[in-house]
Amino acid sequence: MIKGVDGYMDWNQVDPKSPYGMKSYKMREFDMIFKGDAAFVCFVPEIDSMTPNGPYHRALRICDFYTKTNGQWIQSGSDTALHQESLRNSWRRRVLWATR
């Protein structure tokens, strides 16, 4: 589990000179709900990346929780997982590879 801004920054080290990494990010779905000084934001991005094994396309399901403290909004929590569509595609690739 990643904790705090420093933990996130340490985990998310990206060499800008590397040929690998995220190449595109497209927002497919987006919804948010406000309740007082709290907000719940859910979205589905499609992401294209380059990996050492070639191109990789995936959709994610992301839900973020924000709170307002001292007049400022701050992300207080987050959950990210592969979207079911990407999970199905991943399992299909594994089954096809295993049956060769």
C-alpha atoms as a PDB file:
ATOM      1  CA  MET A   1       0.000   0.000   0.000  1.00  0.00           C
ATOM      2  CA  ILE A   2       1.282   3.462  -0.897  1.00  0.00           C
ATOM      3  CA  LYS A   3       0.983   6.010   1.911  1.00  0.00           C
ATOM      4  CA  GLY A   4       1.347   9.754   1.688  1.00  0.00           C
ATOM      5  CA  VAL A   5       2.653  12.072  -1.007  1.00  0.00           C
ATOM      6  CA  ASP A   6       6.281  10.986  -0.470  1.00  0.00           C
ATOM      7  CA  GLY A   7       5.303   7.330  -0.823  1.00  0.00           C
ATOM      8  CA  TYR A   8       3.453   8.069  -4.054  1.00  0.00           C
ATOM      9  CA  MET A   9       6.317  10.079  -5.514  1.00  0.00           C
ATOM     10  CA  ASP A  10       8.830   7.348  -4.620  1.00  0.00           C
ATOM     11  CA  TRP A  11       6.604   4.688  -6.229  1.00  0.00           C
ATOM     12  CA  ASN A  12       5.902   6.742  -9.357  1.00  0.00           C
ATOM     13  CA  GLN A  13       9.488   7.333 -10.501  1.00  0.00           C
ATOM     14  CA  VAL A  14       9.519   7.760 -14.280  1.00  0.00           C
ATOM     15  CA  ASP A  15      12.614   8.468 -16.355  1.00  0.00           C
ATOM     16  CA  PRO A  16      11.493  11.037 -18.967  1.00  0.00           C
ATOM     17  CA  LYS A  17      14.180   9.728 -21.364  1.00  0.00           C
ATOM     18  CA  SER A  18      12.828   6.167 -21.263  1.00  0.00           C
ATOM     19  CA  PRO A  19      11.014   4.852 -24.362  1.00  0.00           C
ATOM     20  CA  TYR A  20       8.594   3.105 -21.979  1.00  0.00           C
ATOM     21  CA  GLY A  21       5.636   4.473 -20.078  1.00  0.00           C
ATOM     22  CA  MET A  22       2.267   6.087 -20.686  1.00  0.00           C
ATOM     23  CA  LYS A  23       1.714   7.371 -24.222  1.00  0.00           C
ATOM     24  CA  SER A  24      -1.965   8.410 -24.082  1.00  0.00           C
ATOM     25  CA  TYR A  25      -4.713   8.903 -21.493  1.00  0.00           C
ATOM     26  CA  LYS A  26      -8.339   9.264 -22.555  1.00  0.00           C
ATOM     27  CA  MET A  27     -11.207   9.857 -20.127  1.00  0.00           C
ATOM     28  CA  ARG A  28     -14.079   7.532 -21.060  1.00  0.00           C
ATOM     29  CA  GLU A  29     -16.475   7.992 -18.105  1.00  0.00           C
ATOM     30  CA  PHE A  30     -16.558  10.543 -15.294  1.00  0.00           C
ATOM     31  CA  ASP A  31     -18.936  11.148 -12.384  1.00  0.00           C
ATOM     32  CA  MET A  32     -18.716  13.045  -9.098  1.00  0.00           C
ATOM     33  CA  ILE A  33     -20.890  13.526  -6.047  1.00  0.00           C
ATOM     34  CA  PHE A  34     -20.512  16.326  -3.488  1.00  0.00           C
ATOM     35  CA  LYS A  35     -21.824  16.085   0.069  1.00  0.00           C
ATOM     36  CA  GLY A  36     -20.822  19.049   2.227  1.00  0.00           C
ATOM     37  CA  ASP A  37     -17.029  19.123   2.524  1.00  0.00           C
ATOM     38  CA  ALA A  38     -16.572  15.739   0.837  1.00  0.00           C
ATOM     39  CA  ALA A  39     -16.573  14.602  -2.782  1.00  0.00           C
ATOM     40  CA  PHE A  40     -16.520  11.155  -4.352  1.00  0.00           C
ATOM     41  CA  VAL A  41     -15.145  11.025  -7.902  1.00  0.00           C
ATOM     42  CA  CYS A  42     -15.260   7.936 -10.112  1.00  0.00           C
ATOM     43  CA  PHE A  43     -13.885   7.676 -13.624  1.00  0.00           C
ATOM     44  CA  VAL A  44     -12.747   5.217 -16.274  1.00  0.00           C
ATOM     45  CA  PRO A  45      -9.680   6.205 -18.294  1.00  0.00           C
ATOM     46  CA  GLU A  46      -8.257   4.317 -21.264  1.00  0.00           C
ATOM     47  CA  ILE A  47      -4.477   4.236 -21.178  1.00  0.00           C
ATOM     48  CA  ASP A  48      -1.958   3.273 -23.835  1.00  0.00           C
ATOM     49  CA  SER A  49       1.562   2.506 -22.679  1.00  0.00           C
ATOM     50  CA  MET A  50       4.773   1.206 -24.191  1.00  0.00           C
ATOM     51  CA  THR A  51       6.388  -1.661 -22.282  1.00  0.00           C
ATOM     52  CA  PRO A  52       9.515  -3.752 -22.939  1.00  0.00           C
ATOM     53  CA  ASN A  53       7.074  -6.371 -24.351  1.00  0.00           C
ATOM     54  CA  GLY A  54       5.400  -3.896 -26.708  1.00  0.00           C
ATOM     55  CA  PRO A  55       2.287  -1.717 -26.597  1.00  0.00           C
ATOM     56  CA  TYR A  56      -0.179  -2.224 -23.742  1.00  0.00           C
ATOM     57  CA  HIS A  57      -3.775  -0.910 -23.736  1.00  0.00           C
ATOM     58  CA  ARG A  58      -5.926  -0.989 -20.628  1.00  0.00           C
ATOM     59  CA  ALA A  59      -8.948   0.624 -19.030  1.00  0.00           C
ATOM     60  CA  LEU A  60      -8.942   1.387 -15.307  1.00  0.00           C
ATOM     61  CA  ARG A  61     -11.683   1.938 -12.753  1.00  0.00           C
ATOM     62  CA  ILE A  62     -10.622   4.750 -10.426  1.00  0.00           C
ATOM     63  CA  CYS A  63     -12.499   6.169  -7.442  1.00  0.00           C
ATOM     64  CA  ASP A  64     -11.064   9.112  -5.521  1.00  0.00           C
ATOM     65  CA  PHE A  65     -12.306  10.643  -2.288  1.00  0.00           C
ATOM     66  CA  TYR A  66     -11.709  14.339  -1.580  1.00  0.00           C
ATOM     67  CA  THR A  67     -12.247  16.424   1.551  1.00  0.00           C
ATOM     68  CA  LYS A  68     -12.215  20.153   2.031  1.00  0.00           C
ATOM     69  CA  THR A  69      -9.906  21.273   4.831  1.00  0.00           C
ATOM     70  CA  ASN A  70      -9.210  24.928   5.636  1.00  0.00           C
ATOM     71  CA  GLY A  71     -10.989  25.903   2.403  1.00  0.00           C
ATOM     72  CA  GLN A  72      -8.804  23.682   0.208  1.00  0.00           C
ATOM     73  CA  TRP A  73      -9.755  20.421  -1.537  1.00  0.00           C
ATOM     74  CA  ILE A  74      -7.324  17.558  -1.023  1.00  0.00           C
ATOM     75  CA  GLN A  75      -7.414  13.960  -2.195  1.00  0.00           C
ATOM     76  CA  SER A  76      -7.930  11.889   0.942  1.00  0.00           C
ATOM     77  CA  GLY A  77      -8.236   8.434  -0.586  1.00  0.00           C
ATOM     78  CA  SER A  78      -8.113   6.534  -3.841  1.00  0.00           C
ATOM     79  CA  ASP A  79      -8.793   3.093  -5.262  1.00  0.00           C
ATOM     80  CA  THR A  80      -7.573   1.947  -8.673  1.00  0.00           C
ATOM     81  CA  ALA A  81      -8.236  -1.376 -10.375  1.00  0.00           C
ATOM     82  CA  LEU A  82      -8.363  -2.817 -13.859  1.00  0.00           C
ATOM     83  CA  HIS A  83     -11.754  -2.294 -15.464  1.00  0.00           C
ATOM     84  CA  GLN A  84     -13.641  -5.561 -16.076  1.00  0.00           C
ATOM     85  CA  GLU A  85     -13.096  -5.133 -19.819  1.00  0.00           C
ATOM     86  CA  SER A  86      -9.312  -5.144 -19.322  1.00  0.00           C
ATOM     87  CA  LEU A  87      -9.537  -8.086 -16.917  1.00  0.00           C
ATOM     88  CA  ARG A  88     -11.442 -10.138 -19.534  1.00  0.00           C
ATOM     89  CA  ASN A  89      -8.899  -9.266 -22.227  1.00  0.00           C
ATOM     90  CA  SER A  90      -6.021 -10.153 -19.913  1.00  0.00           C
ATOM     91  CA  TRP A  91      -7.529 -13.570 -19.113  1.00  0.00           C
ATOM     92  CA  ARG A  92      -8.197 -14.228 -22.828  1.00  0.00           C
ATOM     93  CA  ARG A  93      -4.548 -13.520 -23.667  1.00  0.00           C
ATOM     94  CA  ARG A  94      -3.388 -15.835 -20.864  1.00  0.00           C
ATOM     95  CA  VAL A  95      -5.689 -18.659 -21.971  1.00  0.00           C
ATOM     96  CA  LEU A  96      -4.609 -18.308 -25.608  1.00  0.00           C
ATOM     97  CA  TRP A  97      -0.954 -18.285 -24.596  1.00  0.00           C
ATOM     98  CA  ALA A  98      -1.398 -21.339 -22.327  1.00  0.00           C
ATOM     99  CA  THR A  99      -3.122 -23.383 -25.070  1.00  0.00           C
ATOM    100  CA  ARG A 100      -0.347 -22.937 -27.638  1.00  0.00           C
END
